[in-house]
């Protein structure tokens, strides 16, 4: 079991180290979506600590996505993405306070749409 986790960690690290910038964005989306799914499940199962932890990790990833935006080169697209990330942060915070799985689901679906768009261009 421990060897499998170590192998997965090494594999993930190799993916990150060899990925182009667009692929890194997709990997960040994947991580955020994974944490959102974990939060939804934890909320449904009344596991408040796990939900909180997963939602905080998702928020950290959204902040990382925001930090990658280049407003000079990206113009309106960067600004629109920033607005979406701000919206997602607000919803994740609200869902964490209310422990509302539906809010997490709505946010996740929006992020899945963004991920699909990034996958097409990467």
PDB file of N, CA and C in Angstrom:
ATOM      1  N   UNK A   1       0.831  -1.187   0.000  1.00  0.00           N
ATOM      2  CA  UNK A   1       0.000   0.000   0.000  1.00  0.00           C
ATOM      3  C   UNK A   1       0.874   1.248   0.000  1.00  0.00           C
ATOM      4  N   UNK A   2       1.893   1.269   0.878  1.00  0.00           N
ATOM      5  CA  UNK A   2       2.776   2.419   0.973  1.00  0.00           C
ATOM      6  C   UNK A   2       3.569   2.594  -0.321  1.00  0.00           C
ATOM      7  N   UNK A   3       4.031   1.484  -0.910  1.00  0.00           N
ATOM      8  CA  UNK A   3       4.783   1.562  -2.159  1.00  0.00           C
ATOM      9  C   UNK A   3       3.912   2.110  -3.284  1.00  0.00           C
ATOM     10  N   UNK A   4       2.644   1.724  -3.296  1.00  0.00           N
ATOM     11  CA  UNK A   4       1.731   2.215  -4.322  1.00  0.00           C
ATOM     12  C   UNK A   4       1.564   3.725  -4.196  1.00  0.00           C
ATOM     13  N   UNK A   5       1.411   4.229  -2.982  1.00  0.00           N
ATOM     14  CA  UNK A   5       1.272   5.676  -2.770  1.00  0.00           C
ATOM     15  C   UNK A   5       2.536   6.409  -3.195  1.00  0.00           C
ATOM     16  N   UNK A   6       3.690   5.834  -2.866  1.00  0.00           N
ATOM     17  CA  UNK A   6       4.949   6.456  -3.264  1.00  0.00           C
ATOM     18  C   UNK A   6       5.067   6.488  -4.783  1.00  0.00           C
ATOM     19  N   UNK A   7       4.684   5.408  -5.424  1.00  0.00           N
ATOM     20  CA  UNK A   7       4.738   5.353  -6.884  1.00  0.00           C
ATOM     21  C   UNK A   7       3.795   6.380  -7.499  1.00  0.00           C
ATOM     22  N   UNK A   8       2.607   6.521  -6.932  1.00  0.00           N
ATOM     23  CA  UNK A   8       1.666   7.522  -7.434  1.00  0.00           C
ATOM     24  C   UNK A   8       2.222   8.925  -7.256  1.00  0.00           C
ATOM     25  N   UNK A   9       2.849   9.178  -6.123  1.00  0.00           N
ATOM     26  CA  UNK A   9       3.436  10.495  -5.854  1.00  0.00           C
ATOM     27  C   UNK A   9       4.551  10.798  -6.860  1.00  0.00           C
ATOM     28  N   UNK A  10       5.430   9.829  -7.110  1.00  0.00           N
ATOM     29  CA  UNK A  10       6.516  10.012  -8.075  1.00  0.00           C
ATOM     30  C   UNK A  10       5.946  10.249  -9.466  1.00  0.00           C
ATOM     31  N   UNK A  11       4.931   9.488  -9.845  1.00  0.00           N
ATOM     32  CA  UNK A  11       4.296   9.658 -11.151  1.00  0.00           C
ATOM     33  C   UNK A  11       3.720  11.063 -11.286  1.00  0.00           C
ATOM     34  N   UNK A  12       3.006  11.537 -10.264  1.00  0.00           N
ATOM     35  CA  UNK A  12       2.402  12.866 -10.292  1.00  0.00           C
ATOM     36  C   UNK A  12       3.488  13.937 -10.386  1.00  0.00           C
ATOM     37  N   UNK A  13       4.569  13.765  -9.639  1.00  0.00           N
ATOM     38  CA  UNK A  13       5.673  14.729  -9.685  1.00  0.00           C
ATOM     39  C   UNK A  13       6.292  14.772 -11.081  1.00  0.00           C
ATOM     40  N   UNK A  14       6.455  13.621 -11.708  1.00  0.00           N
ATOM     41  CA  UNK A  14       6.993  13.575 -13.071  1.00  0.00           C
ATOM     42  C   UNK A  14       6.062  14.264 -14.055  1.00  0.00           C
ATOM     43  N   UNK A  15       4.755  14.072 -13.881  1.00  0.00           N
ATOM     44  CA  UNK A  15       3.783  14.753 -14.739  1.00  0.00           C
ATOM     45  C   UNK A  15       3.942  16.257 -14.632  1.00  0.00           C
ATOM     46  N   UNK A  16       4.058  16.742 -13.422  1.00  0.00           N
ATOM     47  CA  UNK A  16       4.156  18.181 -13.185  1.00  0.00           C
ATOM     48  C   UNK A  16       5.454  18.734 -13.751  1.00  0.00           C
ATOM     49  N   UNK A  17       6.557  18.034 -13.518  1.00  0.00           N
ATOM     50  CA  UNK A  17       7.867  18.526 -13.941  1.00  0.00           C
ATOM     51  C   UNK A  17       8.025  18.550 -15.458  1.00  0.00           C
ATOM     52  N   UNK A  18       7.303  17.694 -16.164  1.00  0.00           N
ATOM     53  CA  UNK A  18       7.466  17.614 -17.613  1.00  0.00           C
ATOM     54  C   UNK A  18       6.321  18.255 -18.395  1.00  0.00           C
ATOM     55  N   UNK A  19       5.349  18.800 -17.715  1.00  0.00           N
ATOM     56  CA  UNK A  19       4.169  19.357 -18.388  1.00  0.00           C
ATOM     57  C   UNK A  19       4.444  20.762 -18.914  1.00  0.00           C
ATOM     58  N   UNK A  20       3.805  21.080 -20.047  1.00  0.00           N
ATOM     59  CA  UNK A  20       3.863  22.448 -20.551  1.00  0.00           C
ATOM     60  C   UNK A  20       2.891  23.300 -19.730  1.00  0.00           C
ATOM     61  N   UNK A  21       3.002  24.629 -19.825  1.00  0.00           N
ATOM     62  CA  UNK A  21       2.153  25.497 -18.985  1.00  0.00           C
ATOM     63  C   UNK A  21       0.651  25.233 -19.124  1.00  0.00           C
ATOM     64  N   UNK A  22       0.176  24.953 -20.325  1.00  0.00           N
ATOM     65  CA  UNK A  22      -1.256  24.686 -20.503  1.00  0.00           C
ATOM     66  C   UNK A  22      -1.651  23.382 -19.816  1.00  0.00           C
ATOM     67  N   UNK A  23      -0.786  22.394 -19.901  1.00  0.00           N
ATOM     68  CA  UNK A  23      -1.053  21.111 -19.241  1.00  0.00           C
ATOM     69  C   UNK A  23      -1.045  21.288 -17.724  1.00  0.00           C
ATOM     70  N   UNK A  24      -0.176  22.171 -17.207  1.00  0.00           N
ATOM     71  CA  UNK A  24      -0.158  22.433 -15.766  1.00  0.00           C
ATOM     72  C   UNK A  24      -1.486  23.007 -15.293  1.00  0.00           C
ATOM     73  N   UNK A  25      -2.085  23.873 -16.111  1.00  0.00           N
ATOM     74  CA  UNK A  25      -3.391  24.439 -15.761  1.00  0.00           C
ATOM     75  C   UNK A  25      -4.420  23.315 -15.664  1.00  0.00           C
ATOM     76  N   UNK A  26      -4.389  22.401 -16.629  1.00  0.00           N
ATOM     77  CA  UNK A  26      -5.320  21.265 -16.615  1.00  0.00           C
ATOM     78  C   UNK A  26      -5.090  20.413 -15.364  1.00  0.00           C
ATOM     79  N   UNK A  27      -3.832  20.201 -14.993  1.00  0.00           N
ATOM     80  CA  UNK A  27      -3.538  19.428 -13.785  1.00  0.00           C
ATOM     81  C   UNK A  27      -4.059  20.138 -12.535  1.00  0.00           C
ATOM     82  N   UNK A  28      -3.954  21.463 -12.503  1.00  0.00           N
ATOM     83  CA  UNK A  28      -4.520  22.217 -11.380  1.00  0.00           C
ATOM     84  C   UNK A  28      -6.038  22.065 -11.344  1.00  0.00           C
ATOM     85  N   UNK A  29      -6.669  22.152 -12.513  1.00  0.00           N
ATOM     86  CA  UNK A  29      -8.122  21.941 -12.572  1.00  0.00           C
ATOM     87  C   UNK A  29      -8.477  20.549 -12.053  1.00  0.00           C
ATOM     88  N   UNK A  30      -7.704  19.548 -12.476  1.00  0.00           N
ATOM     89  CA  UNK A  30      -7.966  18.175 -12.024  1.00  0.00           C
ATOM     90  C   UNK A  30      -7.895  18.065 -10.503  1.00  0.00           C
ATOM     91  N   UNK A  31      -6.875  18.678  -9.925  1.00  0.00           N
ATOM     92  CA  UNK A  31      -6.734  18.634  -8.475  1.00  0.00           C
ATOM     93  C   UNK A  31      -7.875  19.333  -7.761  1.00  0.00           C
ATOM     94  N   UNK A  32      -8.288  20.460  -8.301  1.00  0.00           N
ATOM     95  CA  UNK A  32      -9.381  21.213  -7.689  1.00  0.00           C
ATOM     96  C   UNK A  32     -10.692  20.432  -7.788  1.00  0.00           C
ATOM     97  N   UNK A  33     -10.951  19.866  -8.950  1.00  0.00           N
ATOM     98  CA  UNK A  33     -12.166  19.070  -9.158  1.00  0.00           C
ATOM     99  C   UNK A  33     -12.177  17.861  -8.216  1.00  0.00           C
ATOM    100  N   UNK A  34     -11.028  17.210  -8.078  1.00  0.00           N
ATOM    101  CA  UNK A  34     -10.919  16.059  -7.165  1.00  0.00           C
ATOM    102  C   UNK A  34     -11.278  16.477  -5.738  1.00  0.00           C
ATOM    103  N   UNK A  35     -10.746  17.610  -5.295  1.00  0.00           N
ATOM    104  CA  UNK A  35     -11.039  18.085  -3.940  1.00  0.00           C
ATOM    105  C   UNK A  35     -12.497  18.484  -3.789  1.00  0.00           C
ATOM    106  N   UNK A  36     -13.080  19.049  -4.823  1.00  0.00           N
ATOM    107  CA  UNK A  36     -14.499  19.404  -4.765  1.00  0.00           C
ATOM    108  C   UNK A  36     -15.361  18.151  -4.633  1.00  0.00           C
ATOM    109  N   UNK A  37     -15.016  17.104  -5.378  1.00  0.00           N
ATOM    110  CA  UNK A  37     -15.761  15.844  -5.274  1.00  0.00           C
ATOM    111  C   UNK A  37     -15.636  15.261  -3.871  1.00  0.00           C
ATOM    112  N   UNK A  38     -14.432  15.321  -3.313  1.00  0.00           N
ATOM    113  CA  UNK A  38     -14.227  14.820  -1.955  1.00  0.00           C
ATOM    114  C   UNK A  38     -15.060  15.620  -0.957  1.00  0.00           C
ATOM    115  N   UNK A  39     -15.123  16.937  -1.162  1.00  0.00           N
ATOM    116  CA  UNK A  39     -15.913  17.793  -0.268  1.00  0.00           C
ATOM    117  C   UNK A  39     -17.396  17.456  -0.365  1.00  0.00           C
ATOM    118  N   UNK A  40     -17.887  17.260  -1.591  1.00  0.00           N
ATOM    119  CA  UNK A  40     -19.302  16.903  -1.767  1.00  0.00           C
ATOM    120  C   UNK A  40     -19.630  15.632  -0.996  1.00  0.00           C
ATOM    121  N   UNK A  41     -18.794  14.617  -1.168  1.00  0.00           N
ATOM    122  CA  UNK A  41     -19.014  13.342  -0.494  1.00  0.00           C
ATOM    123  C   UNK A  41     -18.950  13.514   1.024  1.00  0.00           C
ATOM    124  N   UNK A  42     -17.961  14.246   1.491  1.00  0.00           N
ATOM    125  CA  UNK A  42     -17.808  14.454   2.934  1.00  0.00           C
ATOM    126  C   UNK A  42     -19.008  15.196   3.520  1.00  0.00           C
ATOM    127  N   UNK A  43     -19.523  16.173   2.792  1.00  0.00           N
ATOM    128  CA  UNK A  43     -20.705  16.902   3.270  1.00  0.00           C
ATOM    129  C   UNK A  43     -21.899  15.956   3.361  1.00  0.00           C
ATOM    130  N   UNK A  44     -22.090  15.145   2.321  1.00  0.00           N
ATOM    131  CA  UNK A  44     -23.204  14.188   2.338  1.00  0.00           C
ATOM    132  C   UNK A  44     -23.084  13.201   3.498  1.00  0.00           C
ATOM    133  N   UNK A  45     -21.841  12.859   3.845  1.00  0.00           N
ATOM    134  CA  UNK A  45     -21.615  11.889   4.920  1.00  0.00           C
ATOM    135  C   UNK A  45     -21.436  12.562   6.280  1.00  0.00           C
ATOM    136  N   UNK A  46     -21.692  13.872   6.337  1.00  0.00           N
ATOM    137  CA  UNK A  46     -21.585  14.629   7.591  1.00  0.00           C
ATOM    138  C   UNK A  46     -20.174  14.591   8.185  1.00  0.00           C
ATOM    139  N   UNK A  47     -19.177  14.478   7.323  1.00  0.00           N
ATOM    140  CA  UNK A  47     -17.777  14.498   7.760  1.00  0.00           C
ATOM    141  C   UNK A  47     -17.255  15.928   7.590  1.00  0.00           C
ATOM    142  N   UNK A  48     -17.544  16.745   8.563  1.00  0.00           N
ATOM    143  CA  UNK A  48     -17.318  18.183   8.472  1.00  0.00           C
ATOM    144  C   UNK A  48     -15.834  18.531   8.333  1.00  0.00           C
ATOM    145  N   UNK A  49     -14.969  17.873   9.103  1.00  0.00           N
ATOM    146  CA  UNK A  49     -13.533  18.167   9.022  1.00  0.00           C
ATOM    147  C   UNK A  49     -12.974  17.841   7.649  1.00  0.00           C
ATOM    148  N   UNK A  50     -13.359  16.690   7.099  1.00  0.00           N
ATOM    149  CA  UNK A  50     -12.877  16.301   5.778  1.00  0.00           C
ATOM    150  C   UNK A  50     -13.391  17.264   4.711  1.00  0.00           C
ATOM    151  N   UNK A  51     -14.634  17.682   4.835  1.00  0.00           N
ATOM    152  CA  UNK A  51     -15.201  18.642   3.880  1.00  0.00           C
ATOM    153  C   UNK A  51     -14.438  19.955   3.946  1.00  0.00           C
ATOM    154  N   UNK A  52     -14.192  20.426   5.143  1.00  0.00           N
ATOM    155  CA  UNK A  52     -13.451  21.665   5.333  1.00  0.00           C
ATOM    156  C   UNK A  52     -12.061  21.566   4.711  1.00  0.00           C
ATOM    157  N   UNK A  53     -11.381  20.461   4.973  1.00  0.00           N
ATOM    158  CA  UNK A  53     -10.030  20.255   4.445  1.00  0.00           C
ATOM    159  C   UNK A  53     -10.035  20.250   2.911  1.00  0.00           C
ATOM    160  N   UNK A  54     -10.955  19.510   2.324  1.00  0.00           N
ATOM    161  CA  UNK A  54     -11.024  19.422   0.861  1.00  0.00           C
ATOM    162  C   UNK A  54     -11.375  20.770   0.241  1.00  0.00           C
ATOM    163  N   UNK A  55     -12.285  21.503   0.855  1.00  0.00           N
ATOM    164  CA  UNK A  55     -12.666  22.811   0.320  1.00  0.00           C
ATOM    165  C   UNK A  55     -11.522  23.812   0.440  1.00  0.00           C
ATOM    166  N   UNK A  56     -10.760  23.737   1.515  1.00  0.00           N
ATOM    167  CA  UNK A  56      -9.605  24.625   1.651  1.00  0.00           C
ATOM    168  C   UNK A  56      -8.544  24.307   0.603  1.00  0.00           C
ATOM    169  N   UNK A  57      -8.345  23.025   0.323  1.00  0.00           N
ATOM    170  CA  UNK A  57      -7.392  22.646  -0.721  1.00  0.00           C
ATOM    171  C   UNK A  57      -7.864  23.150  -2.083  1.00  0.00           C
ATOM    172  N   UNK A  58      -9.162  23.043  -2.344  1.00  0.00           N
ATOM    173  CA  UNK A  58      -9.715  23.557  -3.604  1.00  0.00           C
ATOM    174  C   UNK A  58      -9.508  25.071  -3.690  1.00  0.00           C
ATOM    175  N   UNK A  59      -9.722  25.771  -2.588  1.00  0.00           N
ATOM    176  CA  UNK A  59      -9.517  27.219  -2.568  1.00  0.00           C
ATOM    177  C   UNK A  59      -8.053  27.562  -2.837  1.00  0.00           C
ATOM    178  N   UNK A  60      -7.136  26.801  -2.260  1.00  0.00           N
ATOM    179  CA  UNK A  60      -5.709  27.030  -2.504  1.00  0.00           C
ATOM    180  C   UNK A  60      -5.377  26.877  -3.985  1.00  0.00           C
ATOM    181  N   UNK A  61      -5.989  25.900  -4.619  1.00  0.00           N
ATOM    182  CA  UNK A  61      -5.738  25.681  -6.044  1.00  0.00           C
ATOM    183  C   UNK A  61      -6.308  26.832  -6.862  1.00  0.00           C
ATOM    184  N   UNK A  62      -7.486  27.310  -6.513  1.00  0.00           N
ATOM    185  CA  UNK A  62      -8.062  28.462  -7.220  1.00  0.00           C
ATOM    186  C   UNK A  62      -7.131  29.664  -7.086  1.00  0.00           C
ATOM    187  N   UNK A  63      -6.584  29.889  -5.896  1.00  0.00           N
ATOM    188  CA  UNK A  63      -5.630  30.988  -5.706  1.00  0.00           C
ATOM    189  C   UNK A  63      -4.397  30.802  -6.582  1.00  0.00           C
ATOM    190  N   UNK A  64      -3.939  29.570  -6.704  1.00  0.00           N
ATOM    191  CA  UNK A  64      -2.791  29.288  -7.572  1.00  0.00           C
ATOM    192  C   UNK A  64      -3.143  29.573  -9.028  1.00  0.00           C
ATOM    193  N   UNK A  65      -4.340  29.185  -9.444  1.00  0.00           N
ATOM    194  CA  UNK A  65      -4.775  29.482 -10.812  1.00  0.00           C
ATOM    195  C   UNK A  65      -4.813  30.991 -11.050  1.00  0.00           C
ATOM    196  N   UNK A  66      -5.302  31.742 -10.081  1.00  0.00           N
ATOM    197  CA  UNK A  66      -5.335  33.199 -10.206  1.00  0.00           C
ATOM    198  C   UNK A  66      -3.930  33.762 -10.354  1.00  0.00           C
ATOM    199  N   UNK A  67      -2.990  33.196  -9.631  1.00  0.00           N
ATOM    200  CA  UNK A  67      -1.623  33.720  -9.664  1.00  0.00           C
ATOM    201  C   UNK A  67      -0.940  33.481 -11.008  1.00  0.00           C
ATOM    202  N   UNK A  68      -1.466  32.559 -11.812  1.00  0.00           N
ATOM    203  CA  UNK A  68      -0.860  32.284 -13.115  1.00  0.00           C
ATOM    204  C   UNK A  68      -1.345  33.232 -14.204  1.00  0.00           C
ATOM    205  N   UNK A  69      -2.364  34.022 -13.913  1.00  0.00           N
ATOM    206  CA  UNK A  69      -2.938  34.897 -14.937  1.00  0.00           C
ATOM    207  C   UNK A  69      -1.972  36.021 -15.299  1.00  0.00           C
ATOM    208  N   UNK A  70      -1.839  36.247 -16.605  1.00  0.00           N
ATOM    209  CA  UNK A  70      -1.011  37.339 -17.117  1.00  0.00           C
ATOM    210  C   UNK A  70      -1.960  38.343 -17.762  1.00  0.00           C
ATOM    211  N   UNK A  71      -2.273  39.402 -17.036  1.00  0.00           N
ATOM    212  CA  UNK A  71      -3.266  40.361 -17.501  1.00  0.00           C
ATOM    213  C   UNK A  71      -2.776  41.178 -18.694  1.00  0.00           C
ATOM    214  N   UNK A  72      -1.469  41.392 -18.795  1.00  0.00           N
ATOM    215  CA  UNK A  72      -0.936  42.149 -19.930  1.00  0.00           C
ATOM    216  C   UNK A  72      -1.069  41.353 -21.219  1.00  0.00           C
ATOM    217  N   UNK A  73      -0.644  40.109 -21.189  1.00  0.00           N
ATOM    218  CA  UNK A  73      -0.703  39.281 -22.395  1.00  0.00           C
ATOM    219  C   UNK A  73      -2.098  38.718 -22.629  1.00  0.00           C
ATOM    220  N   UNK A  74      -2.830  38.442 -21.542  1.00  0.00           N
ATOM    221  CA  UNK A  74      -4.121  37.772 -21.658  1.00  0.00           C
ATOM    222  C   UNK A  74      -5.305  38.681 -21.872  1.00  0.00           C
ATOM    223  N   UNK A  75      -5.153  39.961 -21.557  1.00  0.00           N
ATOM    224  CA  UNK A  75      -6.220  40.932 -21.780  1.00  0.00           C
ATOM    225  C   UNK A  75      -7.546  40.527 -21.173  1.00  0.00           C
ATOM    226  N   UNK A  76      -8.588  40.598 -22.012  1.00  0.00           N
ATOM    227  CA  UNK A  76      -9.952  40.304 -21.557  1.00  0.00           C
ATOM    228  C   UNK A  76     -10.119  38.862 -21.085  1.00  0.00           C
ATOM    229  N   UNK A  77      -9.417  37.946 -21.739  1.00  0.00           N
ATOM    230  CA  UNK A  77      -9.534  36.537 -21.347  1.00  0.00           C
ATOM    231  C   UNK A  77      -9.022  36.351 -19.922  1.00  0.00           C
ATOM    232  N   UNK A  78      -7.881  36.945 -19.625  1.00  0.00           N
ATOM    233  CA  UNK A  78      -7.330  36.843 -18.267  1.00  0.00           C
ATOM    234  C   UNK A  78      -8.277  37.480 -17.255  1.00  0.00           C
ATOM    235  N   UNK A  79      -8.854  38.617 -17.616  1.00  0.00           N
ATOM    236  CA  UNK A  79      -9.778  39.288 -16.699  1.00  0.00           C
ATOM    237  C   UNK A  79     -11.028  38.447 -16.475  1.00  0.00           C
ATOM    238  N   UNK A  80     -11.541  37.836 -17.552  1.00  0.00           N
ATOM    239  CA  UNK A  80     -12.723  36.976 -17.424  1.00  0.00           C
ATOM    240  C   UNK A  80     -12.428  35.758 -16.549  1.00  0.00           C
ATOM    241  N   UNK A  81     -11.253  35.155 -16.745  1.00  0.00           N
ATOM    242  CA  UNK A  81     -10.869  34.018 -15.905  1.00  0.00           C
ATOM    243  C   UNK A  81     -10.730  34.451 -14.449  1.00  0.00           C
ATOM    244  N   UNK A  82     -10.149  35.616 -14.230  1.00  0.00           N
ATOM    245  CA  UNK A  82     -10.019  36.127 -12.865  1.00  0.00           C
ATOM    246  C   UNK A  82     -11.395  36.296 -12.219  1.00  0.00           C
ATOM    247  N   UNK A  83     -12.331  36.845 -12.978  1.00  0.00           N
ATOM    248  CA  UNK A  83     -13.695  37.014 -12.458  1.00  0.00           C
ATOM    249  C   UNK A  83     -14.324  35.664 -12.100  1.00  0.00           C
ATOM    250  N   UNK A  84     -14.088  34.664 -12.946  1.00  0.00           N
ATOM    251  CA  UNK A  84     -14.613  33.318 -12.673  1.00  0.00           C
ATOM    252  C   UNK A  84     -13.961  32.746 -11.417  1.00  0.00           C
ATOM    253  N   UNK A  85     -12.648  32.911 -11.289  1.00  0.00           N
ATOM    254  CA  UNK A  85     -11.950  32.396 -10.112  1.00  0.00           C
ATOM    255  C   UNK A  85     -12.441  33.080  -8.836  1.00  0.00           C
ATOM    256  N   UNK A  86     -12.697  34.386  -8.900  1.00  0.00           N
ATOM    257  CA  UNK A  86     -13.242  35.101  -7.739  1.00  0.00           C
ATOM    258  C   UNK A  86     -14.617  34.539  -7.384  1.00  0.00           C
ATOM    259  N   UNK A  87     -15.443  34.321  -8.401  1.00  0.00           N
ATOM    260  CA  UNK A  87     -16.775  33.743  -8.183  1.00  0.00           C
ATOM    261  C   UNK A  87     -16.655  32.362  -7.526  1.00  0.00           C
ATOM    262  N   UNK A  88     -15.743  31.529  -8.061  1.00  0.00           N
ATOM    263  CA  UNK A  88     -15.561  30.190  -7.506  1.00  0.00           C
ATOM    264  C   UNK A  88     -15.094  30.254  -6.053  1.00  0.00           C
ATOM    265  N   UNK A  89     -14.172  31.150  -5.757  1.00  0.00           N
ATOM    266  CA  UNK A  89     -13.710  31.303  -4.372  1.00  0.00           C
ATOM    267  C   UNK A  89     -14.874  31.663  -3.456  1.00  0.00           C
ATOM    268  N   UNK A  90     -15.679  32.626  -3.897  1.00  0.00           N
ATOM    269  CA  UNK A  90     -16.838  33.033  -3.094  1.00  0.00           C
ATOM    270  C   UNK A  90     -17.771  31.851  -2.833  1.00  0.00           C
ATOM    271  N   UNK A  91     -18.033  31.062  -3.878  1.00  0.00           N
ATOM    272  CA  UNK A  91     -18.939  29.915  -3.734  1.00  0.00           C
ATOM    273  C   UNK A  91     -18.338  28.825  -2.845  1.00  0.00           C
ATOM    274  N   UNK A  92     -17.032  28.600  -2.977  1.00  0.00           N
ATOM    275  CA  UNK A  92     -16.397  27.586  -2.133  1.00  0.00           C
ATOM    276  C   UNK A  92     -16.404  28.007  -0.665  1.00  0.00           C
ATOM    277  N   UNK A  93     -16.160  29.273  -0.418  1.00  0.00           N
ATOM    278  CA  UNK A  93     -16.217  29.770   0.960  1.00  0.00           C
ATOM    279  C   UNK A  93     -17.638  29.639   1.508  1.00  0.00           C
ATOM    280  N   UNK A  94     -18.613  30.053   0.694  1.00  0.00           N
ATOM    281  CA  UNK A  94     -20.017  29.950   1.117  1.00  0.00           C
ATOM    282  C   UNK A  94     -20.411  28.497   1.377  1.00  0.00           C
ATOM    283  N   UNK A  95     -19.993  27.607   0.471  1.00  0.00           N
ATOM    284  CA  UNK A  95     -20.351  26.196   0.645  1.00  0.00           C
ATOM    285  C   UNK A  95     -19.678  25.608   1.879  1.00  0.00           C
ATOM    286  N   UNK A  96     -18.494  26.093   2.210  1.00  0.00           N
ATOM    287  CA  UNK A  96     -17.813  25.608   3.408  1.00  0.00           C
ATOM    288  C   UNK A  96     -18.508  26.102   4.675  1.00  0.00           C
ATOM    289  N   UNK A  97     -18.939  27.344   4.664  1.00  0.00           N
ATOM    290  CA  UNK A  97     -19.650  27.889   5.824  1.00  0.00           C
ATOM    291  C   UNK A  97     -20.984  27.169   6.021  1.00  0.00           C
ATOM    292  N   UNK A  98     -21.717  26.996   4.921  1.00  0.00           N
ATOM    293  CA  UNK A  98     -23.052  26.389   4.997  1.00  0.00           C
ATOM    294  C   UNK A  98     -23.025  24.863   4.939  1.00  0.00           C
ATOM    295  N   UNK A  99     -21.880  24.301   4.587  1.00  0.00           N
ATOM    296  CA  UNK A  99     -21.756  22.856   4.342  1.00  0.00           C
ATOM    297  C   UNK A  99     -22.827  22.421   3.345  1.00  0.00           C
ATOM    298  N   UNK A 100     -22.814  23.099   2.190  1.00  0.00           N
ATOM    299  CA  UNK A 100     -23.819  22.920   1.143  1.00  0.00           C
ATOM    300  C   UNK A 100     -23.184  22.225  -0.063  1.00  0.00           C
ATOM    301  N   UNK A 101     -23.484  20.943  -0.212  1.00  0.00           N
ATOM    302  CA  UNK A 101     -22.915  20.155  -1.306  1.00  0.00           C
ATOM    303  C   UNK A 101     -23.390  20.648  -2.670  1.00  0.00           C
ATOM    304  N   UNK A 102     -24.588  21.202  -2.748  1.00  0.00           N
ATOM    305  CA  UNK A 102     -25.118  21.698  -4.022  1.00  0.00           C
ATOM    306  C   UNK A 102     -24.283  22.870  -4.539  1.00  0.00           C
ATOM    307  N   UNK A 103     -23.848  23.748  -3.657  1.00  0.00           N
ATOM    308  CA  UNK A 103     -22.978  24.857  -4.068  1.00  0.00           C
ATOM    309  C   UNK A 103     -21.635  24.341  -4.578  1.00  0.00           C
ATOM    310  N   UNK A 104     -21.126  23.310  -3.929  1.00  0.00           N
ATOM    311  CA  UNK A 104     -19.873  22.705  -4.386  1.00  0.00           C
ATOM    312  C   UNK A 104     -20.080  22.102  -5.768  1.00  0.00           C
ATOM    313  N   UNK A 105     -21.180  21.409  -5.959  1.00  0.00           N
ATOM    314  CA  UNK A 105     -21.490  20.793  -7.247  1.00  0.00           C
ATOM    315  C   UNK A 105     -21.578  21.838  -8.350  1.00  0.00           C
ATOM    316  N   UNK A 106     -22.259  22.935  -8.110  1.00  0.00           N
ATOM    317  CA  UNK A 106     -22.372  24.003  -9.110  1.00  0.00           C
ATOM    318  C   UNK A 106     -20.996  24.553  -9.474  1.00  0.00           C
ATOM    319  N   UNK A 107     -20.165  24.754  -8.476  1.00  0.00           N
ATOM    320  CA  UNK A 107     -18.811  25.259  -8.712  1.00  0.00           C
ATOM    321  C   UNK A 107     -17.990  24.243  -9.494  1.00  0.00           C
ATOM    322  N   UNK A 108     -18.128  22.984  -9.124  1.00  0.00           N
ATOM    323  CA  UNK A 108     -17.370  21.931  -9.808  1.00  0.00           C
ATOM    324  C   UNK A 108     -17.750  21.840 -11.277  1.00  0.00           C
ATOM    325  N   UNK A 109     -19.042  21.952 -11.569  1.00  0.00           N
ATOM    326  CA  UNK A 109     -19.484  21.872 -12.968  1.00  0.00           C
ATOM    327  C   UNK A 109     -18.897  23.018 -13.788  1.00  0.00           C
ATOM    328  N   UNK A 110     -18.851  24.205 -13.211  1.00  0.00           N
ATOM    329  CA  UNK A 110     -18.248  25.344 -13.897  1.00  0.00           C
ATOM    330  C   UNK A 110     -16.769  25.077 -14.156  1.00  0.00           C
ATOM    331  N   UNK A 111     -16.081  24.555 -13.168  1.00  0.00           N
ATOM    332  CA  UNK A 111     -14.660  24.269 -13.326  1.00  0.00           C
ATOM    333  C   UNK A 111     -14.436  23.142 -14.332  1.00  0.00           C
ATOM    334  N   UNK A 112     -15.314  22.165 -14.360  1.00  0.00           N
ATOM    335  CA  UNK A 112     -15.197  21.084 -15.347  1.00  0.00           C
ATOM    336  C   UNK A 112     -15.349  21.632 -16.763  1.00  0.00           C
ATOM    337  N   UNK A 113     -16.228  22.603 -16.953  1.00  0.00           N
ATOM    338  CA  UNK A 113     -16.365  23.242 -18.268  1.00  0.00           C
ATOM    339  C   UNK A 113     -15.081  23.968 -18.654  1.00  0.00           C
ATOM    340  N   UNK A 114     -14.497  24.688 -17.705  1.00  0.00           N
ATOM    341  CA  UNK A 114     -13.226  25.371 -17.967  1.00  0.00           C
ATOM    342  C   UNK A 114     -12.132  24.362 -18.291  1.00  0.00           C
ATOM    343  N   UNK A 115     -12.106  23.269 -17.545  1.00  0.00           N
ATOM    344  CA  UNK A 115     -11.096  22.243 -17.783  1.00  0.00           C
ATOM    345  C   UNK A 115     -11.213  21.686 -19.202  1.00  0.00           C
ATOM    346  N   UNK A 116     -12.434  21.452 -19.614  1.00  0.00           N
ATOM    347  CA  UNK A 116     -12.654  20.927 -20.964  1.00  0.00           C
ATOM    348  C   UNK A 116     -12.108  21.892 -22.014  1.00  0.00           C
ATOM    349  N   UNK A 117     -12.347  23.177 -21.823  1.00  0.00           N
ATOM    350  CA  UNK A 117     -11.842  24.181 -22.764  1.00  0.00           C
ATOM    351  C   UNK A 117     -10.314  24.191 -22.778  1.00  0.00           C
ATOM    352  N   UNK A 118      -9.689  24.125 -21.615  1.00  0.00           N
ATOM    353  CA  UNK A 118      -8.226  24.111 -21.550  1.00  0.00           C
ATOM    354  C   UNK A 118      -7.666  22.841 -22.177  1.00  0.00           C
ATOM    355  N   UNK A 119      -8.355  21.721 -22.005  1.00  0.00           N
ATOM    356  CA  UNK A 119      -7.896  20.464 -22.590  1.00  0.00           C
ATOM    357  C   UNK A 119      -7.870  20.567 -24.106  1.00  0.00           C
ATOM    358  N   UNK A 120      -8.861  21.235 -24.669  1.00  0.00           N
ATOM    359  CA  UNK A 120      -8.932  21.387 -26.121  1.00  0.00           C
ATOM    360  C   UNK A 120      -7.788  22.232 -26.669  1.00  0.00           C
ATOM    361  N   UNK A 121      -7.302  23.207 -25.892  1.00  0.00           N
ATOM    362  CA  UNK A 121      -6.237  24.068 -26.409  1.00  0.00           C
ATOM    363  C   UNK A 121      -4.844  23.625 -25.981  1.00  0.00           C
ATOM    364  N   UNK A 122      -4.752  22.613 -25.110  1.00  0.00           N
ATOM    365  CA  UNK A 122      -3.410  22.217 -24.647  1.00  0.00           C
ATOM    366  C   UNK A 122      -2.850  21.055 -25.438  1.00  0.00           C
TER     367      UNK A 122
END
